[in-house]
PDB file of N, CA and C in Angstrom:
ATOM      1  N   MET A   1     -15.710 -47.100 162.651  1.00  0.00           N
ATOM      2  CA  MET A   1     -15.444 -47.888 161.270  1.00  0.00           C
ATOM      3  C   MET A   1     -16.095 -49.206 161.662  1.00  0.00           C
ATOM      4  N   ALA A   2     -17.016 -49.873 160.754  1.00  0.00           N
ATOM      5  CA  ALA A   2     -17.720 -51.153 161.280  1.00  0.00           C
ATOM      6  C   ALA A   2     -16.842 -52.495 160.867  1.00  0.00           C
ATOM      7  N   LYS A   3     -17.300 -53.273 162.088  1.00  0.00           N
ATOM      8  CA  LYS A   3     -16.463 -54.471 161.814  1.00  0.00           C
ATOM      9  C   LYS A   3     -17.393 -55.492 161.221  1.00  0.00           C
ATOM     10  N   ALA A   4     -16.783 -56.269 160.042  1.00  0.00           N
ATOM     11  CA  ALA A   4     -17.750 -57.121 159.281  1.00  0.00           C
ATOM     12  C   ALA A   4     -17.199 -59.033 160.365  1.00  0.00           C
ATOM     13  N   LEU A   5     -18.599 -59.363 160.978  1.00  0.00           N
ATOM     14  CA  LEU A   5     -18.636 -60.087 161.966  1.00  0.00           C
ATOM     15  C   LEU A   5     -19.189 -61.842 161.796  1.00  0.00           C
ATOM     16  N   LYS A   6     -19.940 -61.820 160.622  1.00  0.00           N
ATOM     17  CA  LYS A   6     -20.507 -62.780 160.360  1.00  0.00           C
ATOM     18  C   LYS A   6     -20.652 -62.746 158.666  1.00  0.00           C
ATOM     19  N   ALA A   7     -19.897 -63.718 158.155  1.00  0.00           N
ATOM     20  CA  ALA A   7     -19.999 -64.029 156.799  1.00  0.00           C
ATOM     21  C   ALA A   7     -21.448 -65.311 156.613  1.00  0.00           C
ATOM     22  N   PHE A   8     -21.627 -65.070 155.172  1.00  0.00           N
ATOM     23  CA  PHE A   8     -22.878 -66.387 155.198  1.00  0.00           C
ATOM     24  C   PHE A   8     -23.111 -66.434 153.385  1.00  0.00           C
ATOM     25  N   SER A   9     -23.194 -67.441 153.031  1.00  0.00           N
ATOM     26  CA  SER A   9     -23.649 -67.777 151.348  1.00  0.00           C
ATOM     27  C   SER A   9     -24.403 -68.797 151.356  1.00  0.00           C
ATOM     28  N   GLY A  10     -25.261 -69.467 150.424  1.00  0.00           N
ATOM     29  CA  GLY A  10     -26.354 -70.242 150.250  1.00  0.00           C
ATOM     30  C   GLY A  10     -26.536 -70.314 148.459  1.00  0.00           C
ATOM     31  N   THR A  11     -27.365 -71.157 148.476  1.00  0.00           N
ATOM     32  CA  THR A  11     -28.265 -71.116 147.396  1.00  0.00           C
ATOM     33  C   THR A  11     -29.473 -71.424 147.529  1.00  0.00           C
ATOM     34  N   ALA A  12     -29.853 -71.417 148.408  1.00  0.00           N
ATOM     35  CA  ALA A  12     -31.397 -72.046 149.088  1.00  0.00           C
ATOM     36  C   ALA A  12     -31.943 -71.155 150.573  1.00  0.00           C
ATOM     37  N   THR A  13     -33.141 -71.092 150.643  1.00  0.00           N
ATOM     38  CA  THR A  13     -33.842 -70.069 151.839  1.00  0.00           C
ATOM     39  C   THR A  13     -33.015 -70.915 152.728  1.00  0.00           C
ATOM     40  N   SER A  14     -32.660 -69.694 153.955  1.00  0.00           N
ATOM     41  CA  SER A  14     -32.339 -69.670 154.818  1.00  0.00           C
ATOM     42  C   SER A  14     -32.253 -68.485 155.516  1.00  0.00           C
ATOM     43  N   THR A  15     -32.498 -69.052 157.165  1.00  0.00           N
ATOM     44  CA  THR A  15     -32.520 -67.821 158.270  1.00  0.00           C
ATOM     45  C   THR A  15     -31.219 -68.180 158.956  1.00  0.00           C
ATOM     46  N   ILE A  16     -30.576 -66.533 158.685  1.00  0.00           N
ATOM     47  CA  ILE A  16     -28.991 -66.895 159.561  1.00  0.00           C
ATOM     48  C   ILE A  16     -29.285 -65.822 160.797  1.00  0.00           C
ATOM     49  N   SER A  17     -28.502 -66.432 161.498  1.00  0.00           N
ATOM     50  CA  SER A  17     -28.416 -65.721 163.072  1.00  0.00           C
ATOM     51  C   SER A  17     -27.160 -65.337 163.488  1.00  0.00           C
ATOM     52  N   MET A  18     -27.232 -64.124 164.102  1.00  0.00           N
ATOM     53  CA  MET A  18     -25.800 -63.412 164.045  1.00  0.00           C
ATOM     54  C   MET A  18     -25.247 -63.721 165.626  1.00  0.00           C
ATOM     55  N   PRO A  19     -24.208 -63.174 165.447  1.00  0.00           N
ATOM     56  CA  PRO A  19     -23.434 -63.543 167.169  1.00  0.00           C
ATOM     57  C   PRO A  19     -23.617 -62.496 167.771  1.00  0.00           C
ATOM     58  N   LYS A  20     -24.065 -61.272 167.471  1.00  0.00           N
ATOM     59  CA  LYS A  20     -23.725 -60.024 168.251  1.00  0.00           C
ATOM     60  C   LYS A  20     -25.090 -59.234 167.589  1.00  0.00           C
ATOM     61  N   ILE A  21     -25.711 -58.053 167.895  1.00  0.00           N
ATOM     62  CA  ILE A  21     -26.673 -57.035 167.407  1.00  0.00           C
ATOM     63  C   ILE A  21     -25.648 -56.360 165.836  1.00  0.00           C
ATOM     64  N   MET A  22     -26.252 -56.723 165.140  1.00  0.00           N
ATOM     65  CA  MET A  22     -25.806 -55.986 163.992  1.00  0.00           C
ATOM     66  C   MET A  22     -26.344 -54.786 163.458  1.00  0.00           C
ATOM     67  N   ASN A  23     -25.977 -54.086 162.601  1.00  0.00           N
ATOM     68  CA  ASN A  23     -27.135 -52.952 162.190  1.00  0.00           C
ATOM     69  C   ASN A  23     -26.356 -52.503 160.643  1.00  0.00           C
ATOM     70  N   GLU A  24     -25.759 -53.363 159.793  1.00  0.00           N
ATOM     71  CA  GLU A  24     -25.259 -53.041 158.342  1.00  0.00           C
ATOM     72  C   GLU A  24     -25.313 -54.472 158.121  1.00  0.00           C
ATOM     73  N   LEU A  25     -25.762 -54.472 156.669  1.00  0.00           N
ATOM     74  CA  LEU A  25     -26.035 -55.595 156.082  1.00  0.00           C
ATOM     75  C   LEU A  25     -25.616 -55.360 154.682  1.00  0.00           C
ATOM     76  N   VAL A  26     -24.707 -56.767 154.206  1.00  0.00           N
ATOM     77  CA  VAL A  26     -24.063 -56.380 152.624  1.00  0.00           C
ATOM     78  C   VAL A  26     -24.529 -57.970 151.891  1.00  0.00           C
ATOM     79  N   ILE A  27     -25.404 -58.157 151.279  1.00  0.00           N
ATOM     80  CA  ILE A  27     -25.904 -58.932 150.475  1.00  0.00           C
ATOM     81  C   ILE A  27     -25.940 -59.113 148.890  1.00  0.00           C
ATOM     82  N   CYS A  28     -25.109 -59.904 148.163  1.00  0.00           N
ATOM     83  CA  CYS A  28     -24.947 -59.826 147.058  1.00  0.00           C
ATOM     84  C   CYS A  28     -25.412 -61.102 146.210  1.00  0.00           C
ATOM     85  N   ASN A  29     -26.519 -61.200 144.930  1.00  0.00           N
ATOM     86  CA  ASN A  29     -26.951 -62.029 144.531  1.00  0.00           C
ATOM     87  C   ASN A  29     -26.468 -62.424 143.213  1.00  0.00           C
ATOM     88  N   ASP A  30     -25.711 -63.582 143.487  1.00  0.00           N
ATOM     89  CA  ASP A  30     -24.816 -63.818 142.648  1.00  0.00           C
ATOM     90  C   ASP A  30     -25.409 -65.006 141.334  1.00  0.00           C
ATOM     91  N   GLY A  31     -27.053 -65.100 141.547  1.00  0.00           N
ATOM     92  CA  GLY A  31     -27.708 -65.876 140.918  1.00  0.00           C
ATOM     93  C   GLY A  31     -28.371 -65.419 139.512  1.00  0.00           C
ATOM     94  N   ALA A  32     -29.172 -66.215 139.072  1.00  0.00           N
ATOM     95  CA  ALA A  32     -30.081 -65.629 137.720  1.00  0.00           C
ATOM     96  C   ALA A  32     -31.392 -65.355 138.036  1.00  0.00           C
ATOM     97  N   ALA A  33     -31.863 -65.651 139.559  1.00  0.00           N
ATOM     98  CA  ALA A  33     -33.077 -65.395 139.639  1.00  0.00           C
ATOM     99  C   ALA A  33     -33.235 -64.145 140.859  1.00  0.00           C
ATOM    100  N   ASN A  34     -34.310 -63.379 140.894  1.00  0.00           N
ATOM    101  CA  ASN A  34     -34.515 -62.482 141.978  1.00  0.00           C
ATOM    102  C   ASN A  34     -34.226 -63.241 143.324  1.00  0.00           C
ATOM    103  N   LEU A  35     -33.830 -62.729 144.386  1.00  0.00           N
ATOM    104  CA  LEU A  35     -33.982 -62.931 145.895  1.00  0.00           C
ATOM    105  C   LEU A  35     -34.649 -62.107 147.022  1.00  0.00           C
ATOM    106  N   THR A  36     -34.964 -62.454 147.634  1.00  0.00           N
ATOM    107  CA  THR A  36     -35.926 -61.803 149.043  1.00  0.00           C
ATOM    108  C   THR A  36     -34.667 -62.036 150.141  1.00  0.00           C
ATOM    109  N   PHE A  37     -34.970 -60.885 151.180  1.00  0.00           N
ATOM    110  CA  PHE A  37     -34.549 -60.892 152.311  1.00  0.00           C
ATOM    111  C   PHE A  37     -34.874 -60.181 153.269  1.00  0.00           C
ATOM    112  N   THR A  38     -35.164 -60.319 154.455  1.00  0.00           N
ATOM    113  CA  THR A  38     -36.020 -59.962 155.363  1.00  0.00           C
ATOM    114  C   THR A  38     -35.136 -59.419 156.663  1.00  0.00           C
ATOM    115  N   VAL A  39     -35.252 -58.361 156.946  1.00  0.00           N
ATOM    116  CA  VAL A  39     -34.083 -57.888 158.234  1.00  0.00           C
ATOM    117  C   VAL A  39     -35.145 -56.829 159.043  1.00  0.00           C
ATOM    118  N   SER A  40     -34.904 -57.013 160.224  1.00  0.00           N
ATOM    119  CA  SER A  40     -35.763 -55.631 161.317  1.00  0.00           C
ATOM    120  C   SER A  40     -36.981 -55.598 160.950  1.00  0.00           C
ATOM    121  N   GLY A  41     -37.796 -56.542 160.226  1.00  0.00           N
ATOM    122  CA  GLY A  41     -39.368 -56.553 159.981  1.00  0.00           C
ATOM    123  C   GLY A  41     -39.360 -56.174 158.393  1.00  0.00           C
ATOM    124  N   GLU A  42     -37.860 -55.297 157.606  1.00  0.00           N
ATOM    125  CA  GLU A  42     -38.685 -54.819 156.024  1.00  0.00           C
ATOM    126  C   GLU A  42     -38.367 -56.362 155.342  1.00  0.00           C
ATOM    127  N   THR A  43     -38.775 -56.318 154.228  1.00  0.00           N
ATOM    128  CA  THR A  43     -38.471 -57.251 152.918  1.00  0.00           C
ATOM    129  C   THR A  43     -38.238 -56.096 151.787  1.00  0.00           C
ATOM    130  N   PHE A  44     -36.748 -56.962 151.412  1.00  0.00           N
ATOM    131  CA  PHE A  44     -36.034 -56.302 150.130  1.00  0.00           C
ATOM    132  C   PHE A  44     -36.155 -57.465 149.049  1.00  0.00           C
ATOM    133  N   THR A  45     -36.143 -56.800 148.013  1.00  0.00           N
ATOM    134  CA  THR A  45     -36.124 -57.808 146.853  1.00  0.00           C
ATOM    135  C   THR A  45     -34.626 -57.122 145.969  1.00  0.00           C
ATOM    136  N   LEU A  46     -33.781 -58.352 145.455  1.00  0.00           N
ATOM    137  CA  LEU A  46     -32.372 -57.891 145.286  1.00  0.00           C
ATOM    138  C   LEU A  46     -32.395 -58.909 143.736  1.00  0.00           C
ATOM    139  N   ARG A  47     -32.367 -57.976 142.285  1.00  0.00           N
ATOM    140  CA  ARG A  47     -32.101 -58.219 141.420  1.00  0.00           C
ATOM    141  C   ARG A  47     -30.591 -59.326 140.973  1.00  0.00           C
ATOM    142  N   PRO A  48     -30.695 -60.080 139.885  1.00  0.00           N
ATOM    143  CA  PRO A  48     -29.470 -61.003 140.100  1.00  0.00           C
ATOM    144  C   PRO A  48     -28.176 -60.081 139.545  1.00  0.00           C
ATOM    145  N   GLY A  49     -27.241 -60.257 140.213  1.00  0.00           N
ATOM    146  CA  GLY A  49     -26.103 -59.022 140.008  1.00  0.00           C
ATOM    147  C   GLY A  49     -26.096 -58.142 140.836  1.00  0.00           C
ATOM    148  N   TYR A  50     -26.950 -57.914 141.608  1.00  0.00           N
ATOM    149  CA  TYR A  50     -27.044 -56.593 142.199  1.00  0.00           C
ATOM    150  C   TYR A  50     -26.517 -56.667 143.510  1.00  0.00           C
ATOM    151  N   THR A  51     -25.906 -55.577 144.080  1.00  0.00           N
ATOM    152  CA  THR A  51     -25.706 -55.785 145.671  1.00  0.00           C
ATOM    153  C   THR A  51     -26.053 -54.848 146.657  1.00  0.00           C
ATOM    154  N   PHE A  52     -26.427 -55.351 148.007  1.00  0.00           N
ATOM    155  CA  PHE A  52     -27.043 -54.306 148.497  1.00  0.00           C
ATOM    156  C   PHE A  52     -26.363 -54.147 149.754  1.00  0.00           C
ATOM    157  N   ASP A  53     -26.204 -52.959 150.094  1.00  0.00           N
ATOM    158  CA  ASP A  53     -24.892 -52.537 151.121  1.00  0.00           C
ATOM    159  C   ASP A  53     -25.740 -51.296 151.984  1.00  0.00           C
ATOM    160  N   GLU A  54     -26.109 -51.354 152.911  1.00  0.00           N
ATOM    161  CA  GLU A  54     -26.485 -50.584 153.612  1.00  0.00           C
ATOM    162  C   GLU A  54     -26.987 -50.666 155.133  1.00  0.00           C
ATOM    163  N   GLU A  55     -27.022 -49.349 155.739  1.00  0.00           N
ATOM    164  CA  GLU A  55     -27.039 -49.466 157.250  1.00  0.00           C
ATOM    165  C   GLU A  55     -28.886 -49.723 157.896  1.00  0.00           C
ATOM    166  N   LEU A  56     -29.264 -50.235 158.775  1.00  0.00           N
ATOM    167  CA  LEU A  56     -30.352 -50.852 158.938  1.00  0.00           C
ATOM    168  C   LEU A  56     -30.517 -50.705 160.265  1.00  0.00           C
ATOM    169  N   GLU A  57     -31.785 -50.656 160.892  1.00  0.00           N
ATOM    170  CA  GLU A  57     -32.508 -50.793 161.930  1.00  0.00           C
ATOM    171  C   GLU A  57     -31.699 -51.932 162.592  1.00  0.00           C
ATOM    172  N   PRO A  58     -31.163 -52.141 163.838  1.00  0.00           N
ATOM    173  CA  PRO A  58     -30.514 -53.530 164.968  1.00  0.00           C
ATOM    174  C   PRO A  58     -31.272 -54.599 164.593  1.00  0.00           C
ATOM    175  N   PHE A  59     -30.296 -55.630 163.941  1.00  0.00           N
ATOM    176  CA  PHE A  59     -30.878 -56.776 163.744  1.00  0.00           C
ATOM    177  C   PHE A  59     -30.102 -58.071 164.357  1.00  0.00           C
ATOM    178  N   LYS A  60     -30.515 -59.325 164.845  1.00  0.00           N
ATOM    179  CA  LYS A  60     -30.120 -60.486 165.406  1.00  0.00           C
ATOM    180  C   LYS A  60     -30.176 -61.509 164.360  1.00  0.00           C
ATOM    181  N   GLU A  61     -30.925 -61.226 163.115  1.00  0.00           N
ATOM    182  CA  GLU A  61     -31.407 -62.591 162.562  1.00  0.00           C
ATOM    183  C   GLU A  61     -32.006 -61.968 161.030  1.00  0.00           C
ATOM    184  N   ILE A  62     -31.411 -62.748 159.804  1.00  0.00           N
ATOM    185  CA  ILE A  62     -32.038 -62.262 158.395  1.00  0.00           C
ATOM    186  C   ILE A  62     -32.600 -63.754 158.119  1.00  0.00           C
ATOM    187  N   THR A  63     -33.697 -63.547 157.151  1.00  0.00           N
ATOM    188  CA  THR A  63     -34.022 -64.517 156.381  1.00  0.00           C
ATOM    189  C   THR A  63     -34.060 -64.196 154.585  1.00  0.00           C
ATOM    190  N   VAL A  64     -33.094 -65.342 153.979  1.00  0.00           N
ATOM    191  CA  VAL A  64     -33.337 -65.173 152.870  1.00  0.00           C
ATOM    192  C   VAL A  64     -33.897 -66.002 151.933  1.00  0.00           C
ATOM    193  N   THR A  65     -34.603 -65.572 150.974  1.00  0.00           N
ATOM    194  CA  THR A  65     -35.192 -66.363 150.365  1.00  0.00           C
ATOM    195  C   THR A  65     -35.107 -66.677 148.911  1.00  0.00           C
ATOM    196  N   ALA A  66     -34.226 -67.815 148.315  1.00  0.00           N
ATOM    197  CA  ALA A  66     -33.392 -67.603 147.216  1.00  0.00           C
ATOM    198  C   ALA A  66     -33.637 -68.895 146.490  1.00  0.00           C
ATOM    199  N   THR A  67     -33.504 -69.296 145.187  1.00  0.00           N
ATOM    200  CA  THR A  67     -33.123 -70.354 144.591  1.00  0.00           C
ATOM    201  C   THR A  67     -31.792 -70.610 143.909  1.00  0.00           C
ATOM    202  N   ASP A  68     -30.839 -69.452 143.884  1.00  0.00           N
ATOM    203  CA  ASP A  68     -29.638 -69.453 143.071  1.00  0.00           C
ATOM    204  C   ASP A  68     -28.868 -69.118 144.370  1.00  0.00           C
ATOM    205  N   ALA A  69     -27.689 -68.695 144.046  1.00  0.00           N
ATOM    206  CA  ALA A  69     -26.479 -68.308 144.688  1.00  0.00           C
ATOM    207  C   ALA A  69     -26.463 -66.944 145.090  1.00  0.00           C
ATOM    208  N   TYR A  70     -25.954 -66.691 146.655  1.00  0.00           N
ATOM    209  CA  TYR A  70     -25.841 -65.433 147.126  1.00  0.00           C
ATOM    210  C   TYR A  70     -24.702 -65.613 148.131  1.00  0.00           C
ATOM    211  N   PHE A  71     -24.320 -64.463 148.476  1.00  0.00           N
ATOM    212  CA  PHE A  71     -23.338 -64.376 149.625  1.00  0.00           C
ATOM    213  C   PHE A  71     -23.459 -63.039 150.139  1.00  0.00           C
ATOM    214  N   GLY A  72     -22.916 -62.906 151.497  1.00  0.00           N
ATOM    215  CA  GLY A  72     -22.637 -61.126 152.168  1.00  0.00           C
ATOM    216  C   GLY A  72     -22.452 -61.346 153.349  1.00  0.00           C
ATOM    217  N   TYR A  73     -22.252 -60.598 154.306  1.00  0.00           N
ATOM    218  CA  TYR A  73     -22.021 -60.657 155.811  1.00  0.00           C
ATOM    219  C   TYR A  73     -22.465 -59.522 156.095  1.00  0.00           C
ATOM    220  N   ALA A  74     -22.492 -59.174 157.672  1.00  0.00           N
ATOM    221  CA  ALA A  74     -23.448 -58.188 158.533  1.00  0.00           C
ATOM    222  C   ALA A  74     -22.052 -57.817 159.206  1.00  0.00           C
ATOM    223  N   ARG A  75     -22.277 -56.345 159.451  1.00  0.00           N
ATOM    224  CA  ARG A  75     -21.558 -55.466 160.094  1.00  0.00           C
ATOM    225  C   ARG A  75     -21.765 -54.581 161.397  1.00  0.00           C
ATOM    226  N   ARG A  76     -21.372 -54.490 162.314  1.00  0.00           N
ATOM    227  CA  ARG A  76     -21.905 -53.307 163.606  1.00  0.00           C
ATOM    228  C   ARG A  76     -21.238 -52.300 163.274  1.00  0.00           C
ATOM    229  N   GLN A  77     -21.737 -51.514 164.026  1.00  0.00           N
ATOM    230  CA  GLN A  77     -20.994 -50.167 164.191  1.00  0.00           C
ATOM    231  C   GLN A  77     -21.616 -49.615 165.461  1.00  0.00           C
ATOM    232  N   GLY A  78     -21.207 -48.621 166.034  1.00  0.00           N
ATOM    233  CA  GLY A  78     -21.497 -47.881 167.354  1.00  0.00           C
ATOM    234  C   GLY A  78     -21.747 -48.523 168.672  1.00  0.00           C
ATOM    235  N   ALA A  79     -21.945 -47.938 169.404  1.00  0.00           N
ATOM    236  CA  ALA A  79     -22.141 -48.070 170.977  1.00  0.00           C
ATOM    237  C   ALA A  79     -23.576 -48.777 171.262  1.00  0.00           C
ATOM    238  N   GLU A  80     -24.384 -48.394 170.114  1.00  0.00           N
ATOM    239  CA  GLU A  80     -25.885 -49.376 170.444  1.00  0.00           C
ATOM    240  C   GLU A  80     -25.837 -50.667 169.938  1.00  0.00           C
ATOM    241  N   THR A  81     -24.947 -50.922 169.056  1.00  0.00           N
ATOM    242  CA  THR A  81     -24.787 -52.567 168.808  1.00  0.00           C
ATOM    243  C   THR A  81     -24.059 -53.404 169.923  1.00  0.00           C
ATOM    244  N   ARG A  82     -23.809 -52.834 170.677  1.00  0.00           N
ATOM    245  CA  ARG A  82     -22.782 -53.727 171.703  1.00  0.00           C
ATOM    246  C   ARG A  82     -23.419 -54.824 172.785  1.00  0.00           C
TER     247      ARG A  82
END
């Protein structure tokens, strides 16, 4: 079972550093505008009201580009993330 280790939230562009290597990300767009986020070299767009909940390549940082509310957390699972 994956462990949630780093919660975050905001209303503006932010780079979020993780305390450990993570490999799962949950982010919810609570605003009225699209947001984008970049993790492991991939950029994703999330529409208002939608949630992204996926396993990804291991990462230690995400960048969220937003102008409205969002929140989320990162999880880690498996020996490769220790």
